[in-house]
Amino acid sequence: FYGAEEPYPRLSQRPDVLVFRTDVLTKPVEVTGNVVVNLWISSSALDTDFTAKVIDVHPANEDYPDGFDMLLHDSVIRCRYREGFDREVLLTPGEIVPVTIRIPATSNLFDIGHRIRIDISSSNWPRLDVNPNTGEPLGRHRRTRVAVNTIHHDRLRPSHVLLPVVGP
């Protein structure tokens, strides 16, 4: 579609997508409820987005020889609203801050042979509008810029995903 160019890599192969996935499951895993993604981020921009997707990775089969990545649910945080939607707080470039992406409730049984995958990115176009990354008033921006975004993960900044697993 518009804006796509061959060789059409899988989302998990793109350099601008951070992928976390389990090993191949040896027993079924039920995930029911809200997935919460807590990130410690920094950016070169005054405002940017972070998106998260929950994906059921199906193994190769007769219908899908390369397997199939089934999107279950996704969400986004526009960083200017990281402290609430009642006020905008722009980023200070380079400063490390926490953000939370709340993914609406889902319920899925990840079967034996599948993988659970979480994709983190800074956009989900064309489903969501593109953040111009300038900090200008939304919908009235006159320019765009590329943001260099970083996810931090260490003892003091433990970026993590809360996955509501049901059962043992």
N, C-alpha and C. Protein backbone atom coordinates (compact mmCIF):
# COMPACT_ATOMS: atom_id res chain seq x y z
N PHE A 1 0.83 -1.17 0.00
CA PHE A 1 0.00 0.00 0.00
C PHE A 1 0.88 1.24 0.00
N TYR A 2 0.25 2.40 0.00
CA TYR A 2 0.95 3.67 -0.11
C TYR A 2 2.06 3.76 0.93
N GLY A 3 3.24 4.10 0.49
CA GLY A 3 4.38 4.30 1.39
C GLY A 3 5.18 3.04 1.63
N ALA A 4 4.71 1.89 1.17
CA ALA A 4 5.42 0.64 1.37
C ALA A 4 6.31 0.36 0.16
N GLU A 5 7.46 -0.19 0.42
CA GLU A 5 8.39 -0.52 -0.66
C GLU A 5 8.89 -1.95 -0.48
N GLU A 6 9.10 -2.61 -1.60
CA GLU A 6 9.66 -3.95 -1.54
C GLU A 6 11.03 -3.88 -0.88
N PRO A 7 11.44 -4.87 -0.13
CA PRO A 7 10.97 -6.25 -0.11
C PRO A 7 9.91 -6.54 0.96
N TYR A 8 9.23 -5.56 1.51
CA TYR A 8 8.15 -5.74 2.47
C TYR A 8 8.56 -6.63 3.65
N PRO A 9 9.49 -6.17 4.47
CA PRO A 9 9.92 -7.01 5.60
C PRO A 9 8.79 -7.19 6.61
N ARG A 10 8.86 -8.28 7.35
CA ARG A 10 7.92 -8.50 8.44
C ARG A 10 8.18 -7.42 9.49
N LEU A 11 7.15 -7.06 10.21
CA LEU A 11 7.28 -6.02 11.23
C LEU A 11 8.43 -6.34 12.19
N SER A 12 8.56 -7.59 12.57
CA SER A 12 9.59 -7.99 13.53
C SER A 12 11.00 -7.89 12.96
N GLN A 13 11.14 -7.65 11.67
CA GLN A 13 12.45 -7.53 11.03
C GLN A 13 12.85 -6.08 10.78
N ARG A 14 11.96 -5.16 11.08
CA ARG A 14 12.26 -3.75 10.81
C ARG A 14 13.22 -3.20 11.86
N PRO A 15 14.15 -2.33 11.47
CA PRO A 15 15.13 -1.81 12.42
C PRO A 15 14.53 -0.80 13.41
N ASP A 16 13.34 -0.28 13.14
CA ASP A 16 12.72 0.71 14.04
C ASP A 16 11.69 0.08 14.97
N VAL A 17 11.70 -1.24 15.08
CA VAL A 17 10.78 -1.95 15.98
C VAL A 17 11.60 -2.79 16.94
N LEU A 18 11.37 -2.59 18.24
CA LEU A 18 12.03 -3.38 19.28
C LEU A 18 11.12 -4.56 19.59
N VAL A 19 11.64 -5.77 19.46
CA VAL A 19 10.83 -6.98 19.57
C VAL A 19 11.25 -7.79 20.80
N PHE A 20 10.27 -8.14 21.62
CA PHE A 20 10.47 -9.05 22.75
C PHE A 20 9.57 -10.24 22.52
N ARG A 21 10.12 -11.44 22.58
CA ARG A 21 9.27 -12.62 22.37
C ARG A 21 9.75 -13.76 23.26
N THR A 22 8.79 -14.59 23.61
CA THR A 22 9.11 -15.76 24.42
C THR A 22 9.77 -16.81 23.54
N ASP A 23 10.31 -17.82 24.18
CA ASP A 23 10.71 -19.03 23.46
C ASP A 23 9.44 -19.69 22.96
N VAL A 24 9.58 -20.70 22.13
CA VAL A 24 8.42 -21.46 21.68
C VAL A 24 7.77 -22.09 22.91
N LEU A 25 6.46 -21.91 23.04
CA LEU A 25 5.75 -22.40 24.23
C LEU A 25 5.64 -23.92 24.22
N THR A 26 5.92 -24.51 25.36
CA THR A 26 5.81 -25.97 25.51
C THR A 26 4.50 -26.37 26.18
N LYS A 27 3.77 -25.37 26.68
CA LYS A 27 2.43 -25.60 27.21
C LYS A 27 1.60 -24.36 26.95
N PRO A 28 0.28 -24.50 26.88
CA PRO A 28 -0.56 -23.32 26.60
C PRO A 28 -0.44 -22.27 27.70
N VAL A 29 -0.55 -21.00 27.31
CA VAL A 29 -0.52 -19.88 28.25
C VAL A 29 -1.72 -18.99 27.96
N GLU A 30 -2.58 -18.79 28.97
CA GLU A 30 -3.72 -17.89 28.80
C GLU A 30 -3.36 -16.51 29.33
N VAL A 31 -3.60 -15.51 28.49
CA VAL A 31 -3.42 -14.11 28.88
C VAL A 31 -4.80 -13.46 28.80
N THR A 32 -5.30 -13.00 29.95
CA THR A 32 -6.62 -12.38 30.01
C THR A 32 -6.53 -11.14 30.90
N GLY A 33 -6.85 -9.99 30.34
CA GLY A 33 -6.83 -8.74 31.10
C GLY A 33 -6.08 -7.66 30.35
N ASN A 34 -5.67 -6.64 31.10
CA ASN A 34 -4.97 -5.50 30.53
C ASN A 34 -3.47 -5.72 30.56
N VAL A 35 -2.82 -5.56 29.43
CA VAL A 35 -1.36 -5.60 29.36
C VAL A 35 -0.88 -4.17 29.61
N VAL A 36 0.13 -4.04 30.47
CA VAL A 36 0.69 -2.73 30.79
C VAL A 36 2.18 -2.74 30.45
N VAL A 37 2.60 -1.76 29.66
CA VAL A 37 4.00 -1.64 29.26
C VAL A 37 4.56 -0.40 29.95
N ASN A 38 5.51 -0.61 30.85
CA ASN A 38 6.17 0.48 31.57
C ASN A 38 7.57 0.66 30.99
N LEU A 39 7.82 1.84 30.43
CA LEU A 39 9.10 2.11 29.80
C LEU A 39 9.77 3.32 30.43
N TRP A 40 11.08 3.28 30.45
CA TRP A 40 11.89 4.45 30.75
C TRP A 40 12.48 4.89 29.42
N ILE A 41 12.16 6.11 29.00
CA ILE A 41 12.52 6.55 27.65
C ILE A 41 13.27 7.87 27.69
N SER A 42 13.97 8.13 26.61
CA SER A 42 14.50 9.48 26.34
C SER A 42 14.35 9.69 24.84
N SER A 43 14.36 10.97 24.47
CA SER A 43 14.16 11.32 23.06
C SER A 43 14.93 12.58 22.72
N SER A 44 15.23 12.72 21.46
CA SER A 44 15.84 13.96 20.97
C SER A 44 14.77 15.02 20.69
N ALA A 45 13.49 14.60 20.77
CA ALA A 45 12.37 15.47 20.41
C ALA A 45 11.66 16.02 21.64
N LEU A 46 10.88 17.07 21.43
CA LEU A 46 10.05 17.65 22.49
C LEU A 46 8.80 16.83 22.76
N ASP A 47 8.36 16.09 21.75
CA ASP A 47 7.20 15.22 21.88
C ASP A 47 7.38 14.08 20.90
N THR A 48 6.98 12.90 21.27
CA THR A 48 7.04 11.73 20.40
C THR A 48 6.06 10.70 20.92
N ASP A 49 5.87 9.64 20.18
CA ASP A 49 4.97 8.56 20.59
C ASP A 49 5.76 7.29 20.85
N PHE A 50 5.19 6.44 21.71
CA PHE A 50 5.65 5.07 21.86
C PHE A 50 4.43 4.18 21.74
N THR A 51 4.55 3.13 20.94
CA THR A 51 3.44 2.21 20.73
C THR A 51 3.86 0.82 21.19
N ALA A 52 2.86 0.01 21.54
CA ALA A 52 3.10 -1.38 21.94
C ALA A 52 2.02 -2.26 21.32
N LYS A 53 2.43 -3.42 20.85
CA LYS A 53 1.52 -4.40 20.27
C LYS A 53 1.72 -5.74 20.96
N VAL A 54 0.61 -6.44 21.19
CA VAL A 54 0.65 -7.81 21.69
C VAL A 54 0.33 -8.72 20.51
N ILE A 55 1.20 -9.68 20.25
CA ILE A 55 1.09 -10.50 19.05
C ILE A 55 1.20 -11.98 19.41
N ASP A 56 0.33 -12.79 18.81
CA ASP A 56 0.40 -14.24 18.92
C ASP A 56 1.13 -14.73 17.68
N VAL A 57 2.34 -15.26 17.87
CA VAL A 57 3.15 -15.73 16.76
C VAL A 57 2.83 -17.21 16.52
N HIS A 58 2.14 -17.48 15.43
CA HIS A 58 1.76 -18.85 15.08
C HIS A 58 2.91 -19.53 14.35
N PRO A 59 3.14 -20.80 14.59
CA PRO A 59 4.22 -21.51 13.89
C PRO A 59 3.88 -21.75 12.43
N ALA A 60 4.89 -22.12 11.68
CA ALA A 60 4.68 -22.47 10.27
C ALA A 60 3.69 -23.62 10.18
N ASN A 61 2.83 -23.55 9.16
CA ASN A 61 1.86 -24.61 8.93
C ASN A 61 1.56 -24.67 7.43
N GLU A 62 0.64 -25.55 7.05
CA GLU A 62 0.34 -25.74 5.63
C GLU A 62 -0.18 -24.45 4.98
N ASP A 63 -1.04 -23.71 5.71
CA ASP A 63 -1.60 -22.48 5.15
C ASP A 63 -0.61 -21.32 5.18
N TYR A 64 0.26 -21.29 6.17
CA TYR A 64 1.23 -20.21 6.33
C TYR A 64 2.63 -20.81 6.52
N PRO A 65 3.31 -21.12 5.44
CA PRO A 65 4.62 -21.78 5.53
C PRO A 65 5.66 -20.99 6.32
N ASP A 66 5.49 -19.67 6.40
CA ASP A 66 6.42 -18.83 7.18
C ASP A 66 5.86 -18.50 8.56
N GLY A 67 4.74 -19.12 8.93
CA GLY A 67 4.09 -18.78 10.18
C GLY A 67 3.20 -17.57 9.99
N PHE A 68 2.57 -17.13 11.08
CA PHE A 68 1.63 -16.02 11.00
C PHE A 68 1.70 -15.23 12.28
N ASP A 69 1.81 -13.91 12.19
CA ASP A 69 1.85 -13.02 13.34
C ASP A 69 0.48 -12.38 13.51
N MET A 70 -0.27 -12.79 14.51
CA MET A 70 -1.63 -12.30 14.72
C MET A 70 -1.64 -11.19 15.78
N LEU A 71 -1.93 -9.97 15.33
CA LEU A 71 -2.06 -8.84 16.25
C LEU A 71 -3.29 -9.04 17.12
N LEU A 72 -3.10 -8.99 18.43
CA LEU A 72 -4.23 -9.11 19.36
C LEU A 72 -4.75 -7.75 19.78
N HIS A 73 -3.84 -6.88 20.18
CA HIS A 73 -4.23 -5.55 20.64
C HIS A 73 -3.02 -4.64 20.65
N ASP A 74 -3.27 -3.34 20.64
CA ASP A 74 -2.18 -2.38 20.67
C ASP A 74 -2.64 -1.09 21.32
N SER A 75 -1.68 -0.23 21.62
CA SER A 75 -2.00 1.07 22.18
C SER A 75 -0.79 1.99 21.99
N VAL A 76 -0.96 3.23 22.43
CA VAL A 76 0.06 4.26 22.22
C VAL A 76 0.06 5.21 23.40
N ILE A 77 1.20 5.84 23.66
CA ILE A 77 1.26 6.97 24.57
C ILE A 77 1.94 8.11 23.82
N ARG A 78 1.23 9.23 23.74
CA ARG A 78 1.84 10.45 23.20
C ARG A 78 2.53 11.09 24.40
N CYS A 79 3.83 11.25 24.32
CA CYS A 79 4.62 11.62 25.50
C CYS A 79 4.19 12.92 26.16
N ARG A 80 3.65 13.87 25.40
CA ARG A 80 3.20 15.11 26.03
C ARG A 80 2.06 14.88 27.02
N TYR A 81 1.40 13.70 26.93
CA TYR A 81 0.31 13.36 27.86
C TYR A 81 0.71 12.27 28.85
N ARG A 82 2.00 12.07 29.06
CA ARG A 82 2.46 11.00 29.95
C ARG A 82 2.07 11.24 31.41
N GLU A 83 1.78 12.47 31.78
CA GLU A 83 1.38 12.78 33.16
C GLU A 83 -0.12 12.99 33.29
N GLY A 84 -0.87 12.68 32.23
CA GLY A 84 -2.33 12.81 32.24
C GLY A 84 -2.81 13.64 31.06
N PHE A 85 -4.08 13.42 30.70
CA PHE A 85 -4.64 14.11 29.54
C PHE A 85 -5.15 15.51 29.87
N ASP A 86 -5.07 15.91 31.14
CA ASP A 86 -5.56 17.22 31.52
C ASP A 86 -4.54 18.33 31.31
N ARG A 87 -3.28 17.95 30.99
CA ARG A 87 -2.26 18.96 30.72
C ARG A 87 -1.15 18.36 29.87
N GLU A 88 -0.52 19.21 29.09
CA GLU A 88 0.57 18.77 28.24
C GLU A 88 1.90 19.10 28.92
N VAL A 89 2.81 18.11 28.93
CA VAL A 89 4.16 18.30 29.47
C VAL A 89 5.14 17.82 28.40
N LEU A 90 5.80 18.75 27.75
CA LEU A 90 6.75 18.38 26.70
C LEU A 90 7.99 17.73 27.31
N LEU A 91 8.67 16.95 26.51
CA LEU A 91 9.91 16.32 26.92
C LEU A 91 11.05 17.32 26.90
N THR A 92 12.05 17.07 27.72
CA THR A 92 13.32 17.77 27.62
C THR A 92 14.25 16.82 26.88
N PRO A 93 14.73 17.19 25.70
CA PRO A 93 15.57 16.27 24.93
C PRO A 93 16.71 15.70 25.77
N GLY A 94 16.84 14.37 25.72
CA GLY A 94 17.88 13.66 26.45
C GLY A 94 17.51 13.25 27.86
N GLU A 95 16.49 13.86 28.44
CA GLU A 95 16.09 13.50 29.80
C GLU A 95 15.37 12.15 29.81
N ILE A 96 15.66 11.32 30.80
CA ILE A 96 15.05 9.99 30.92
C ILE A 96 13.82 10.11 31.81
N VAL A 97 12.67 9.68 31.28
CA VAL A 97 11.41 9.76 32.01
C VAL A 97 10.63 8.45 31.86
N PRO A 98 9.74 8.15 32.81
CA PRO A 98 8.89 6.96 32.67
C PRO A 98 7.64 7.27 31.85
N VAL A 99 7.21 6.30 31.06
CA VAL A 99 5.93 6.36 30.36
C VAL A 99 5.24 5.01 30.51
N THR A 100 3.92 5.04 30.47
CA THR A 100 3.14 3.82 30.59
C THR A 100 2.20 3.72 29.39
N ILE A 101 2.24 2.56 28.74
CA ILE A 101 1.31 2.27 27.65
C ILE A 101 0.32 1.24 28.18
N ARG A 102 -0.95 1.62 28.22
CA ARG A 102 -2.00 0.72 28.72
C ARG A 102 -2.74 0.13 27.52
N ILE A 103 -2.61 -1.18 27.39
CA ILE A 103 -3.24 -1.87 26.28
C ILE A 103 -4.60 -2.38 26.75
N PRO A 104 -5.66 -2.10 26.01
CA PRO A 104 -7.00 -2.55 26.43
C PRO A 104 -7.05 -4.07 26.65
N ALA A 105 -8.03 -4.47 27.44
CA ALA A 105 -8.15 -5.88 27.81
C ALA A 105 -8.25 -6.78 26.60
N THR A 106 -7.61 -7.91 26.72
CA THR A 106 -7.66 -8.94 25.70
C THR A 106 -7.76 -10.28 26.39
N SER A 107 -8.08 -11.31 25.67
CA SER A 107 -8.06 -12.67 26.20
C SER A 107 -7.66 -13.59 25.07
N ASN A 108 -6.57 -14.33 25.29
CA ASN A 108 -6.06 -15.20 24.24
C ASN A 108 -5.37 -16.40 24.89
N LEU A 109 -5.56 -17.55 24.29
CA LEU A 109 -4.82 -18.74 24.68
C LEU A 109 -3.70 -18.93 23.66
N PHE A 110 -2.47 -18.69 24.11
CA PHE A 110 -1.29 -18.91 23.27
C PHE A 110 -1.01 -20.41 23.35
N ASP A 111 -1.15 -21.09 22.24
CA ASP A 111 -1.09 -22.55 22.23
C ASP A 111 0.35 -23.06 22.20
N ILE A 112 0.50 -24.35 22.42
CA ILE A 112 1.80 -25.00 22.31
C ILE A 112 2.36 -24.72 20.92
N GLY A 113 3.64 -24.39 20.85
CA GLY A 113 4.28 -24.10 19.58
C GLY A 113 4.23 -22.64 19.17
N HIS A 114 3.41 -21.85 19.84
CA HIS A 114 3.30 -20.42 19.56
C HIS A 114 4.34 -19.66 20.38
N ARG A 115 4.43 -18.37 20.14
CA ARG A 115 5.25 -17.46 20.95
C ARG A 115 4.40 -16.24 21.31
N ILE A 116 4.69 -15.64 22.45
CA ILE A 116 4.09 -14.37 22.84
C ILE A 116 5.10 -13.29 22.46
N ARG A 117 4.62 -12.27 21.74
CA ARG A 117 5.53 -11.22 21.29
C ARG A 117 4.96 -9.85 21.64
N ILE A 118 5.85 -8.97 22.06
CA ILE A 118 5.53 -7.56 22.31
C ILE A 118 6.43 -6.74 21.40
N ASP A 119 5.83 -5.90 20.56
CA ASP A 119 6.58 -4.99 19.68
C ASP A 119 6.46 -3.57 20.22
N ILE A 120 7.59 -2.89 20.32
CA ILE A 120 7.63 -1.49 20.74
C ILE A 120 8.17 -0.67 19.58
N SER A 121 7.49 0.44 19.29
CA SER A 121 7.93 1.31 18.21
C SER A 121 7.53 2.75 18.56
N SER A 122 7.78 3.65 17.65
CA SER A 122 7.37 5.04 17.86
C SER A 122 6.29 5.48 16.91
N SER A 123 5.72 4.54 16.17
CA SER A 123 4.60 4.89 15.31
C SER A 123 3.80 3.64 15.00
N ASN A 124 2.60 3.88 14.53
CA ASN A 124 1.73 2.78 14.10
C ASN A 124 0.91 3.31 12.92
N TRP A 125 1.63 3.88 11.96
CA TRP A 125 1.00 4.44 10.78
C TRP A 125 0.69 3.31 9.82
N PRO A 126 -0.41 3.26 9.18
CA PRO A 126 -1.41 4.32 9.01
C PRO A 126 -2.56 4.26 10.03
N ARG A 127 -2.51 3.32 10.97
CA ARG A 127 -3.61 3.22 11.94
C ARG A 127 -3.71 4.46 12.83
N LEU A 128 -2.58 5.00 13.25
CA LEU A 128 -2.56 6.18 14.11
C LEU A 128 -1.86 7.33 13.38
N ASP A 129 -2.28 8.55 13.71
CA ASP A 129 -1.65 9.69 13.06
C ASP A 129 -0.18 9.79 13.44
N VAL A 130 0.60 10.41 12.58
CA VAL A 130 2.03 10.55 12.79
C VAL A 130 2.28 11.74 13.72
N ASN A 131 3.13 11.52 14.71
CA ASN A 131 3.52 12.62 15.59
C ASN A 131 4.61 13.41 14.87
N PRO A 132 4.45 14.75 14.72
CA PRO A 132 5.48 15.53 14.03
C PRO A 132 6.76 15.67 14.86
N ASN A 133 6.73 15.32 16.14
CA ASN A 133 7.90 15.33 17.03
C ASN A 133 8.46 16.73 17.30
N THR A 134 7.66 17.76 17.06
CA THR A 134 8.17 19.13 17.22
C THR A 134 7.70 19.81 18.50
N GLY A 135 6.63 19.29 19.11
CA GLY A 135 6.06 19.95 20.27
C GLY A 135 5.08 21.05 19.92
N GLU A 136 4.90 21.32 18.63
CA GLU A 136 3.94 22.34 18.19
C GLU A 136 2.52 21.89 18.56
N PRO A 137 1.57 22.81 18.58
CA PRO A 137 0.18 22.42 18.86
C PRO A 137 -0.30 21.33 17.90
N LEU A 138 -0.97 20.33 18.46
CA LEU A 138 -1.42 19.20 17.66
C LEU A 138 -2.39 19.65 16.57
N GLY A 139 -2.19 19.12 15.38
CA GLY A 139 -3.04 19.46 14.25
C GLY A 139 -2.72 20.78 13.60
N ARG A 140 -1.80 21.53 14.18
CA ARG A 140 -1.45 22.84 13.61
C ARG A 140 0.06 22.96 13.37
N HIS A 141 0.73 21.82 13.35
CA HIS A 141 2.18 21.87 13.15
C HIS A 141 2.51 22.28 11.71
N ARG A 142 3.64 22.90 11.56
CA ARG A 142 4.08 23.37 10.24
C ARG A 142 5.31 22.63 9.75
N ARG A 143 5.86 21.77 10.60
CA ARG A 143 7.05 21.04 10.21
C ARG A 143 7.06 19.70 10.95
N THR A 144 7.92 18.83 10.52
CA THR A 144 8.13 17.55 11.21
C THR A 144 9.63 17.35 11.39
N ARG A 145 9.98 16.47 12.31
CA ARG A 145 11.38 16.13 12.49
C ARG A 145 11.48 14.68 12.92
N VAL A 146 12.60 14.08 12.62
CA VAL A 146 12.85 12.71 13.04
C VAL A 146 13.29 12.73 14.49
N ALA A 147 12.69 11.86 15.30
CA ALA A 147 13.08 11.73 16.70
C ALA A 147 13.99 10.53 16.85
N VAL A 148 15.04 10.68 17.62
CA VAL A 148 15.89 9.56 18.00
C VAL A 148 15.46 9.18 19.41
N ASN A 149 14.82 8.02 19.52
CA ASN A 149 14.25 7.58 20.79
C ASN A 149 15.03 6.41 21.36
N THR A 150 15.11 6.37 22.68
CA THR A 150 15.83 5.30 23.38
C THR A 150 14.95 4.76 24.49
N ILE A 151 14.95 3.43 24.62
CA ILE A 151 14.32 2.77 25.76
C ILE A 151 15.45 2.32 26.68
N HIS A 152 15.36 2.71 27.93
CA HIS A 152 16.39 2.38 28.92
C HIS A 152 15.92 1.20 29.76
N HIS A 153 16.87 0.35 30.12
CA HIS A 153 16.54 -0.79 30.97
C HIS A 153 17.78 -1.15 31.79
N ASP A 154 17.70 -0.85 33.08
CA ASP A 154 18.76 -1.23 34.00
C ASP A 154 18.14 -1.32 35.40
N ARG A 155 18.98 -1.50 36.42
CA ARG A 155 18.47 -1.69 37.78
C ARG A 155 17.65 -0.50 38.27
N LEU A 156 18.04 0.71 37.90
CA LEU A 156 17.34 1.91 38.36
C LEU A 156 16.16 2.28 37.46
N ARG A 157 16.18 1.80 36.22
CA ARG A 157 15.12 2.11 35.25
C ARG A 157 14.64 0.81 34.61
N PRO A 158 13.86 0.03 35.36
CA PRO A 158 13.47 -1.31 34.90
C PRO A 158 12.27 -1.30 33.95
N SER A 159 12.49 -0.98 32.69
CA SER A 159 11.42 -1.08 31.70
C SER A 159 10.91 -2.52 31.71
N HIS A 160 9.58 -2.69 31.66
CA HIS A 160 9.02 -4.04 31.74
C HIS A 160 7.57 -4.08 31.25
N VAL A 161 7.11 -5.28 31.01
CA VAL A 161 5.74 -5.53 30.57
C VAL A 161 5.04 -6.35 31.65
N LEU A 162 3.82 -5.94 32.02
CA LEU A 162 2.99 -6.70 32.94
C LEU A 162 1.97 -7.46 32.11
N LEU A 163 2.10 -8.77 32.07
CA LEU A 163 1.27 -9.64 31.26
C LEU A 163 0.36 -10.42 32.18
N PRO A 164 -0.98 -10.24 32.08
CA PRO A 164 -1.91 -10.91 32.99
C PRO A 164 -2.12 -12.38 32.62
N VAL A 165 -1.22 -13.23 33.11
CA VAL A 165 -1.31 -14.67 32.83
C VAL A 165 -2.28 -15.31 33.81
N VAL A 166 -3.19 -16.14 33.27
CA VAL A 166 -4.20 -16.83 34.08
C VAL A 166 -3.75 -18.26 34.30
N GLY A 167 -3.91 -18.73 35.52
CA GLY A 167 -3.60 -20.12 35.82
C GLY A 167 -2.15 -20.31 36.26
N PRO A 168 -1.77 -21.57 36.42
CA PRO A 168 -0.41 -21.86 36.93
C PRO A 168 0.69 -21.47 35.97
